[in-house]
Amino acid sequence: MKLALFDLDHTLLPLDSDYSWGQFTVELGWRDAEGHTRANDAFYEQYKAGTLDIAEYIRFATGAIREQGLAKANAAHARFMNEVIRPAIKPAALALVKQHQAAGDEVVIITATNEFVTRPIAQVFGVKELMAVDLARDARGEPTGEIAGTPSFREGKVARVEQWLVARGLSWADVTHSSFYSDSINDLPLLEKVQEPVATNPDDRLKAIAAERGWRILNLFE
């Protein structure tokens, strides 16, 4: 198996889908603008610094979904896709994914953003395999605000790939070639695990590491 792994936000997308969804809920009037934006900005800075408490963030990020209910949230997300996500997708990002698919690679999007926000985005990219933060749900199927299983964040991304392989009766030894595209220092554990790490639109810290180690640096949005 040849495995091509992609981060999503600021890697395939020139924005942060989780942050953007939060701001979209503010525009819908679901969240207090000042309070939500302040908290959203603070969590985003923690993410970029590598200090984010993922469980705390997921409780925050799913607040509007839990308050409004999944049916209403799904309808709003369809608008979000049409108004925010689809116009932002760049041809170069789509072409890169299709290039790996045409080469026969198993293409997977692996992201620290939750499944509710990201599954429709993966579908637009034509990617069936998505590893996102899975949301715990109650008896009605509504998100509880907690995380189900291992969050696909930092070292958790390595664990999730290994779980995905095991579920298919495979291990890393069965992967003849592995690549991972990411912009973020948070993804260093998985970048170090694969055979071909690609620093894609990298943040300053990752760019420095990539240059030091001779990793390929790719800018999709220039």
C-alpha atoms as a PDB file:
ATOM      1  CA  MET A   1       0.000   0.000   0.000  1.00  0.00           C
ATOM      2  CA  LYS A   2       1.106   3.516  -0.814  1.00  0.00           C
ATOM      3  CA  LEU A   3      -0.368   5.974   1.684  1.00  0.00           C
ATOM      4  CA  ALA A   4      -0.835   9.706   1.097  1.00  0.00           C
ATOM      5  CA  LEU A   5      -1.937  11.594   4.198  1.00  0.00           C
ATOM      6  CA  PHE A   6      -3.148  15.180   4.163  1.00  0.00           C
ATOM      7  CA  ASP A   7      -3.813  17.636   6.936  1.00  0.00           C
ATOM      8  CA  LEU A   8      -6.745  19.892   6.062  1.00  0.00           C
ATOM      9  CA  ASP A   9      -6.690  23.409   7.512  1.00  0.00           C
ATOM     10  CA  HIS A  10      -4.016  25.659   5.991  1.00  0.00           C
ATOM     11  CA  THR A  11      -2.752  22.609   4.095  1.00  0.00           C
ATOM     12  CA  LEU A  12      -5.461  21.717   1.581  1.00  0.00           C
ATOM     13  CA  LEU A  13      -7.566  24.711   2.594  1.00  0.00           C
ATOM     14  CA  PRO A  14      -6.202  28.283   2.787  1.00  0.00           C
ATOM     15  CA  LEU A  15      -8.176  28.786   6.006  1.00  0.00           C
ATOM     16  CA  ASP A  16      -9.023  27.074   9.288  1.00  0.00           C
ATOM     17  CA  SER A  17     -12.379  25.359   8.810  1.00  0.00           C
ATOM     18  CA  ASP A  18     -13.025  24.994  12.543  1.00  0.00           C
ATOM     19  CA  TYR A  19     -12.332  28.672  13.237  1.00  0.00           C
ATOM     20  CA  SER A  20     -14.354  29.709  10.191  1.00  0.00           C
ATOM     21  CA  TRP A  21     -17.324  27.555  11.235  1.00  0.00           C
ATOM     22  CA  GLY A  22     -17.242  29.212  14.651  1.00  0.00           C
ATOM     23  CA  GLN A  23     -17.336  32.651  13.087  1.00  0.00           C
ATOM     24  CA  PHE A  24     -20.149  31.505  10.804  1.00  0.00           C
ATOM     25  CA  THR A  25     -22.241  30.579  13.845  1.00  0.00           C
ATOM     26  CA  VAL A  26     -21.644  34.096  15.154  1.00  0.00           C
ATOM     27  CA  GLU A  27     -22.966  35.518  11.889  1.00  0.00           C
ATOM     28  CA  LEU A  28     -26.051  33.308  12.274  1.00  0.00           C
ATOM     29  CA  GLY A  29     -26.646  34.839  15.693  1.00  0.00           C
ATOM     30  CA  TRP A  30     -26.086  31.539  17.472  1.00  0.00           C
ATOM     31  CA  ARG A  31     -23.171  32.847  19.515  1.00  0.00           C
ATOM     32  CA  ASP A  32     -22.374  36.098  21.269  1.00  0.00           C
ATOM     33  CA  ALA A  33     -20.085  37.846  18.823  1.00  0.00           C
ATOM     34  CA  GLU A  34     -17.628  39.446  21.227  1.00  0.00           C
ATOM     35  CA  GLY A  35     -17.334  36.556  23.676  1.00  0.00           C
ATOM     36  CA  HIS A  36     -17.131  33.815  21.046  1.00  0.00           C
ATOM     37  CA  THR A  37     -14.629  35.643  18.862  1.00  0.00           C
ATOM     38  CA  ARG A  38     -12.391  36.365  21.835  1.00  0.00           C
ATOM     39  CA  ALA A  39     -12.423  32.714  22.919  1.00  0.00           C
ATOM     40  CA  ASN A  40     -12.068  31.440  19.337  1.00  0.00           C
ATOM     41  CA  ASP A  41      -9.039  33.680  18.785  1.00  0.00           C
ATOM     42  CA  ALA A  42      -7.472  32.500  22.048  1.00  0.00           C
ATOM     43  CA  PHE A  43      -7.916  28.819  21.190  1.00  0.00           C
ATOM     44  CA  TYR A  44      -6.503  29.418  17.710  1.00  0.00           C
ATOM     45  CA  GLU A  45      -3.393  31.066  19.146  1.00  0.00           C
ATOM     46  CA  GLN A  46      -2.981  28.091  21.509  1.00  0.00           C
ATOM     47  CA  TYR A  47      -3.236  25.730  18.541  1.00  0.00           C
ATOM     48  CA  LYS A  48      -0.563  27.602  16.608  1.00  0.00           C
ATOM     49  CA  ALA A  49       1.667  27.598  19.700  1.00  0.00           C
ATOM     50  CA  GLY A  50       1.181  23.867  20.231  1.00  0.00           C
ATOM     51  CA  THR A  51      -0.442  24.308  23.651  1.00  0.00           C
ATOM     52  CA  LEU A  52      -4.096  23.585  22.864  1.00  0.00           C
ATOM     53  CA  ASP A  53      -6.164  21.445  25.259  1.00  0.00           C
ATOM     54  CA  ILE A  54      -8.098  19.529  22.617  1.00  0.00           C
ATOM     55  CA  ALA A  55     -10.845  18.288  24.966  1.00  0.00           C
ATOM     56  CA  GLU A  56     -11.540  21.803  26.217  1.00  0.00           C
ATOM     57  CA  TYR A  57     -11.565  23.111  22.676  1.00  0.00           C
ATOM     58  CA  ILE A  58     -13.998  20.473  21.390  1.00  0.00           C
ATOM     59  CA  ARG A  59     -16.458  21.361  24.156  1.00  0.00           C
ATOM     60  CA  PHE A  60     -16.229  24.977  23.027  1.00  0.00           C
ATOM     61  CA  ALA A  61     -16.323  24.240  19.291  1.00  0.00           C
ATOM     62  CA  THR A  62     -19.439  22.063  19.499  1.00  0.00           C
ATOM     63  CA  GLY A  63     -21.381  24.459  21.713  1.00  0.00           C
ATOM     64  CA  ALA A  64     -23.516  25.924  18.924  1.00  0.00           C
ATOM     65  CA  ILE A  65     -24.247  22.482  17.451  1.00  0.00           C
ATOM     66  CA  ARG A  66     -25.382  21.161  20.830  1.00  0.00           C
ATOM     67  CA  GLU A  67     -27.550  24.189  21.552  1.00  0.00           C
ATOM     68  CA  GLN A  68     -29.204  24.329  18.119  1.00  0.00           C
ATOM     69  CA  GLY A  69     -29.495  20.575  17.532  1.00  0.00           C
ATOM     70  CA  LEU A  70     -27.938  18.496  14.803  1.00  0.00           C
ATOM     71  CA  ALA A  71     -30.699  18.931  12.209  1.00  0.00           C
ATOM     72  CA  LYS A  72     -30.498  22.716  12.310  1.00  0.00           C
ATOM     73  CA  ALA A  73     -26.706  22.607  12.453  1.00  0.00           C
ATOM     74  CA  ASN A  74     -26.543  20.367   9.371  1.00  0.00           C
ATOM     75  CA  ALA A  75     -28.664  22.808   7.398  1.00  0.00           C
ATOM     76  CA  ALA A  76     -26.407  25.674   8.466  1.00  0.00           C
ATOM     77  CA  HIS A  77     -23.326  23.667   7.549  1.00  0.00           C
ATOM     78  CA  ALA A  78     -24.637  23.236   4.005  1.00  0.00           C
ATOM     79  CA  ARG A  79     -24.740  27.030   3.749  1.00  0.00           C
ATOM     80  CA  PHE A  80     -21.263  27.219   5.274  1.00  0.00           C
ATOM     81  CA  MET A  81     -19.951  24.883   2.591  1.00  0.00           C
ATOM     82  CA  ASN A  82     -21.453  26.962  -0.220  1.00  0.00           C
ATOM     83  CA  GLU A  83     -20.600  30.379   1.183  1.00  0.00           C
ATOM     84  CA  VAL A  84     -17.219  29.795   2.837  1.00  0.00           C
ATOM     85  CA  ILE A  85     -15.539  26.497   1.958  1.00  0.00           C
ATOM     86  CA  ARG A  86     -16.231  25.864  -1.732  1.00  0.00           C
ATOM     87  CA  PRO A  87     -15.146  29.372  -2.832  1.00  0.00           C
ATOM     88  CA  ALA A  88     -11.907  28.967  -0.862  1.00  0.00           C
ATOM     89  CA  ILE A  89     -10.764  25.665  -2.385  1.00  0.00           C
ATOM     90  CA  LYS A  90      -7.836  26.179  -4.742  1.00  0.00           C
ATOM     91  CA  PRO A  91      -7.264  24.208  -7.960  1.00  0.00           C
ATOM     92  CA  ALA A  92      -3.697  23.371  -6.891  1.00  0.00           C
ATOM     93  CA  ALA A  93      -4.942  21.605  -3.756  1.00  0.00           C
ATOM     94  CA  LEU A  94      -7.540  19.599  -5.681  1.00  0.00           C
ATOM     95  CA  ALA A  95      -4.945  18.695  -8.299  1.00  0.00           C
ATOM     96  CA  LEU A  96      -2.502  17.433  -5.678  1.00  0.00           C
ATOM     97  CA  VAL A  97      -5.090  15.105  -4.164  1.00  0.00           C
ATOM     98  CA  LYS A  98      -6.121  13.834  -7.599  1.00  0.00           C
ATOM     99  CA  GLN A  99      -2.468  13.272  -8.519  1.00  0.00           C
ATOM    100  CA  HIS A 100      -2.047  10.876  -5.611  1.00  0.00           C
ATOM    101  CA  GLN A 101      -5.328   9.146  -6.368  1.00  0.00           C
ATOM    102  CA  ALA A 102      -4.320   8.689 -10.014  1.00  0.00           C
ATOM    103  CA  ALA A 103      -1.040   7.138  -8.843  1.00  0.00           C
ATOM    104  CA  GLY A 104      -3.017   4.521  -6.943  1.00  0.00           C
ATOM    105  CA  ASP A 105      -2.235   5.882  -3.476  1.00  0.00           C
ATOM    106  CA  GLU A 106      -4.637   5.404  -0.588  1.00  0.00           C
ATOM    107  CA  VAL A 107      -5.528   9.026   0.156  1.00  0.00           C
ATOM    108  CA  VAL A 108      -6.567  10.000   3.682  1.00  0.00           C
ATOM    109  CA  ILE A 109      -7.374  13.378   5.210  1.00  0.00           C
ATOM    110  CA  ILE A 110      -6.321  13.480   8.853  1.00  0.00           C
ATOM    111  CA  THR A 111      -7.288  16.556  10.826  1.00  0.00           C
ATOM    112  CA  ALA A 112      -7.641  17.844  14.373  1.00  0.00           C
ATOM    113  CA  THR A 113     -10.917  19.489  13.373  1.00  0.00           C
ATOM    114  CA  ASN A 114     -14.028  17.539  14.312  1.00  0.00           C
ATOM    115  CA  GLU A 115     -15.934  15.190  12.022  1.00  0.00           C
ATOM    116  CA  PHE A 116     -19.053  17.381  11.847  1.00  0.00           C
ATOM    117  CA  VAL A 117     -17.149  20.254  10.275  1.00  0.00           C
ATOM    118  CA  THR A 118     -14.816  18.229   8.072  1.00  0.00           C
ATOM    119  CA  ARG A 119     -16.663  15.262   6.560  1.00  0.00           C
ATOM    120  CA  PRO A 120     -18.498  17.346   3.921  1.00  0.00           C
ATOM    121  CA  ILE A 121     -15.181  19.051   3.096  1.00  0.00           C
ATOM    122  CA  ALA A 122     -13.433  15.714   2.545  1.00  0.00           C
ATOM    123  CA  GLN A 123     -16.261  14.742   0.216  1.00  0.00           C
ATOM    124  CA  VAL A 124     -15.697  17.866  -1.894  1.00  0.00           C
ATOM    125  CA  PHE A 125     -12.053  16.835  -2.269  1.00  0.00           C
ATOM    126  CA  GLY A 126     -13.231  13.381  -3.351  1.00  0.00           C
ATOM    127  CA  VAL A 127     -11.617  11.708  -0.347  1.00  0.00           C
ATOM    128  CA  LYS A 128     -13.562   8.891   1.293  1.00  0.00           C
ATOM    129  CA  GLU A 129     -11.135   8.194   4.134  1.00  0.00           C
ATOM    130  CA  LEU A 130     -11.297  10.834   6.863  1.00  0.00           C
ATOM    131  CA  MET A 131      -9.660  10.735  10.278  1.00  0.00           C
ATOM    132  CA  ALA A 132     -11.059  13.638  12.258  1.00  0.00           C
ATOM    133  CA  VAL A 133     -11.865  14.173  15.925  1.00  0.00           C
ATOM    134  CA  ASP A 134     -14.817  11.867  16.475  1.00  0.00           C
ATOM    135  CA  LEU A 135     -17.614  13.280  18.611  1.00  0.00           C
ATOM    136  CA  ALA A 136     -19.246  11.336  21.430  1.00  0.00           C
ATOM    137  CA  ARG A 137     -23.004  11.215  20.924  1.00  0.00           C
ATOM    138  CA  ASP A 138     -25.999  10.618  23.145  1.00  0.00           C
ATOM    139  CA  ALA A 139     -28.817   8.108  22.581  1.00  0.00           C
ATOM    140  CA  ARG A 140     -30.430  10.458  20.043  1.00  0.00           C
ATOM    141  CA  GLY A 141     -27.199  10.805  18.077  1.00  0.00           C
ATOM    142  CA  GLU A 142     -26.603  14.372  19.250  1.00  0.00           C
ATOM    143  CA  PRO A 143     -23.016  15.429  20.098  1.00  0.00           C
ATOM    144  CA  THR A 144     -22.318  15.623  23.839  1.00  0.00           C
ATOM    145  CA  GLY A 145     -19.304  17.916  23.625  1.00  0.00           C
ATOM    146  CA  GLU A 146     -16.879  15.123  24.487  1.00  0.00           C
ATOM    147  CA  ILE A 147     -14.428  13.240  22.270  1.00  0.00           C
ATOM    148  CA  ALA A 148     -14.980   9.637  21.210  1.00  0.00           C
ATOM    149  CA  GLY A 149     -11.780   7.590  21.076  1.00  0.00           C
ATOM    150  CA  THR A 150      -8.350   9.000  20.308  1.00  0.00           C
ATOM    151  CA  PRO A 151      -8.364  12.585  19.063  1.00  0.00           C
ATOM    152  CA  SER A 152      -6.468  13.040  15.801  1.00  0.00           C
ATOM    153  CA  PHE A 153      -4.245  15.717  17.294  1.00  0.00           C
ATOM    154  CA  ARG A 154      -0.449  15.805  17.681  1.00  0.00           C
ATOM    155  CA  GLU A 155       0.730  12.271  18.686  1.00  0.00           C
ATOM    156  CA  GLY A 156      -2.889  11.153  18.333  1.00  0.00           C
ATOM    157  CA  LYS A 157      -2.556  11.392  14.552  1.00  0.00           C
ATOM    158  CA  VAL A 158       0.088   8.661  14.596  1.00  0.00           C
ATOM    159  CA  ALA A 159      -2.156   6.537  16.836  1.00  0.00           C
ATOM    160  CA  ARG A 160      -5.164   7.048  14.573  1.00  0.00           C
ATOM    161  CA  VAL A 161      -3.231   5.988  11.464  1.00  0.00           C
ATOM    162  CA  GLU A 162      -2.042   2.880  13.287  1.00  0.00           C
ATOM    163  CA  GLN A 163      -5.618   2.094  14.381  1.00  0.00           C
ATOM    164  CA  TRP A 164      -6.806   2.598  10.803  1.00  0.00           C
ATOM    165  CA  LEU A 165      -4.151   0.184   9.514  1.00  0.00           C
ATOM    166  CA  VAL A 166      -4.911  -2.446  12.169  1.00  0.00           C
ATOM    167  CA  ALA A 167      -8.613  -2.315  11.299  1.00  0.00           C
ATOM    168  CA  ARG A 168      -7.596  -3.341   7.795  1.00  0.00           C
ATOM    169  CA  GLY A 169      -5.303  -6.118   8.976  1.00  0.00           C
ATOM    170  CA  LEU A 170      -2.218  -4.038   8.183  1.00  0.00           C
ATOM    171  CA  SER A 171       0.696  -2.345   9.927  1.00  0.00           C
ATOM    172  CA  TRP A 172       3.286   0.273   8.984  1.00  0.00           C
ATOM    173  CA  ALA A 173       5.376  -2.593   7.575  1.00  0.00           C
ATOM    174  CA  ASP A 174       2.723  -3.086   4.895  1.00  0.00           C
ATOM    175  CA  VAL A 175       2.992   0.521   3.736  1.00  0.00           C
ATOM    176  CA  THR A 176       5.503   0.595   0.884  1.00  0.00           C
ATOM    177  CA  HIS A 177       5.519   4.379   0.734  1.00  0.00           C
ATOM    178  CA  SER A 178       3.993   6.997   3.007  1.00  0.00           C
ATOM    179  CA  SER A 179       3.761  10.745   2.613  1.00  0.00           C
ATOM    180  CA  PHE A 180       2.174  13.394   4.808  1.00  0.00           C
ATOM    181  CA  TYR A 181       1.397  16.977   3.869  1.00  0.00           C
ATOM    182  CA  SER A 182       0.966  19.458   6.731  1.00  0.00           C
ATOM    183  CA  ASP A 183       1.429  23.107   7.581  1.00  0.00           C
ATOM    184  CA  SER A 184       1.630  22.798  11.351  1.00  0.00           C
ATOM    185  CA  ILE A 185       4.253  22.156  14.023  1.00  0.00           C
ATOM    186  CA  ASN A 186       1.491  20.242  15.832  1.00  0.00           C
ATOM    187  CA  ASP A 187       1.856  17.537  13.172  1.00  0.00           C
ATOM    188  CA  LEU A 188       5.557  16.936  13.760  1.00  0.00           C
ATOM    189  CA  PRO A 189       4.988  13.431  15.255  1.00  0.00           C
ATOM    190  CA  LEU A 190       3.313  12.140  12.074  1.00  0.00           C
ATOM    191  CA  LEU A 191       5.684  14.040   9.786  1.00  0.00           C
ATOM    192  CA  GLU A 192       8.549  12.256  11.521  1.00  0.00           C
ATOM    193  CA  LYS A 193       6.816   8.879  11.129  1.00  0.00           C
ATOM    194  CA  VAL A 194       6.236   8.866   7.364  1.00  0.00           C
ATOM    195  CA  GLN A 195       8.839   8.290   4.685  1.00  0.00           C
ATOM    196  CA  GLU A 196       8.106  11.521   2.838  1.00  0.00           C
ATOM    197  CA  PRO A 197       7.184  14.480   5.045  1.00  0.00           C
ATOM    198  CA  VAL A 198       6.106  17.540   3.072  1.00  0.00           C
ATOM    199  CA  ALA A 199       5.906  20.865   4.883  1.00  0.00           C
ATOM    200  CA  THR A 200       2.974  22.430   3.046  1.00  0.00           C
ATOM    201  CA  ASN A 201       2.350  26.167   3.451  1.00  0.00           C
ATOM    202  CA  PRO A 202       4.302  25.675   6.710  1.00  0.00           C
ATOM    203  CA  ASP A 203       4.186  27.845   9.788  1.00  0.00           C
ATOM    204  CA  ASP A 204       7.514  29.434  10.736  1.00  0.00           C
ATOM    205  CA  ARG A 205       8.507  26.728  13.228  1.00  0.00           C
ATOM    206  CA  LEU A 206       7.775  23.872  10.854  1.00  0.00           C
ATOM    207  CA  LYS A 207       9.450  25.677   7.971  1.00  0.00           C
ATOM    208  CA  ALA A 208      12.651  25.978   9.996  1.00  0.00           C
ATOM    209  CA  ILE A 209      12.604  22.279  10.904  1.00  0.00           C
ATOM    210  CA  ALA A 210      11.882  21.284   7.309  1.00  0.00           C
ATOM    211  CA  ALA A 211      14.787  23.373   6.024  1.00  0.00           C
ATOM    212  CA  GLU A 212      17.134  21.919   8.656  1.00  0.00           C
ATOM    213  CA  ARG A 213      16.156  18.324   7.859  1.00  0.00           C
ATOM    214  CA  GLY A 214      15.950  18.692   4.100  1.00  0.00           C
ATOM    215  CA  TRP A 215      12.222  18.014   3.878  1.00  0.00           C
ATOM    216  CA  ARG A 216      10.350  19.194   0.840  1.00  0.00           C
ATOM    217  CA  ILE A 217       8.607  22.542   1.310  1.00  0.00           C
ATOM    218  CA  LEU A 218       5.491  23.066  -0.796  1.00  0.00           C
ATOM    219  CA  ASN A 219       3.472  26.254  -1.156  1.00  0.00           C
ATOM    220  CA  LEU A 220       0.084  25.485  -2.678  1.00  0.00           C
ATOM    221  CA  PHE A 221      -1.446  28.919  -2.447  1.00  0.00           C
ATOM    222  CA  GLU A 222       1.144  31.220  -3.959  1.00  0.00           C
END
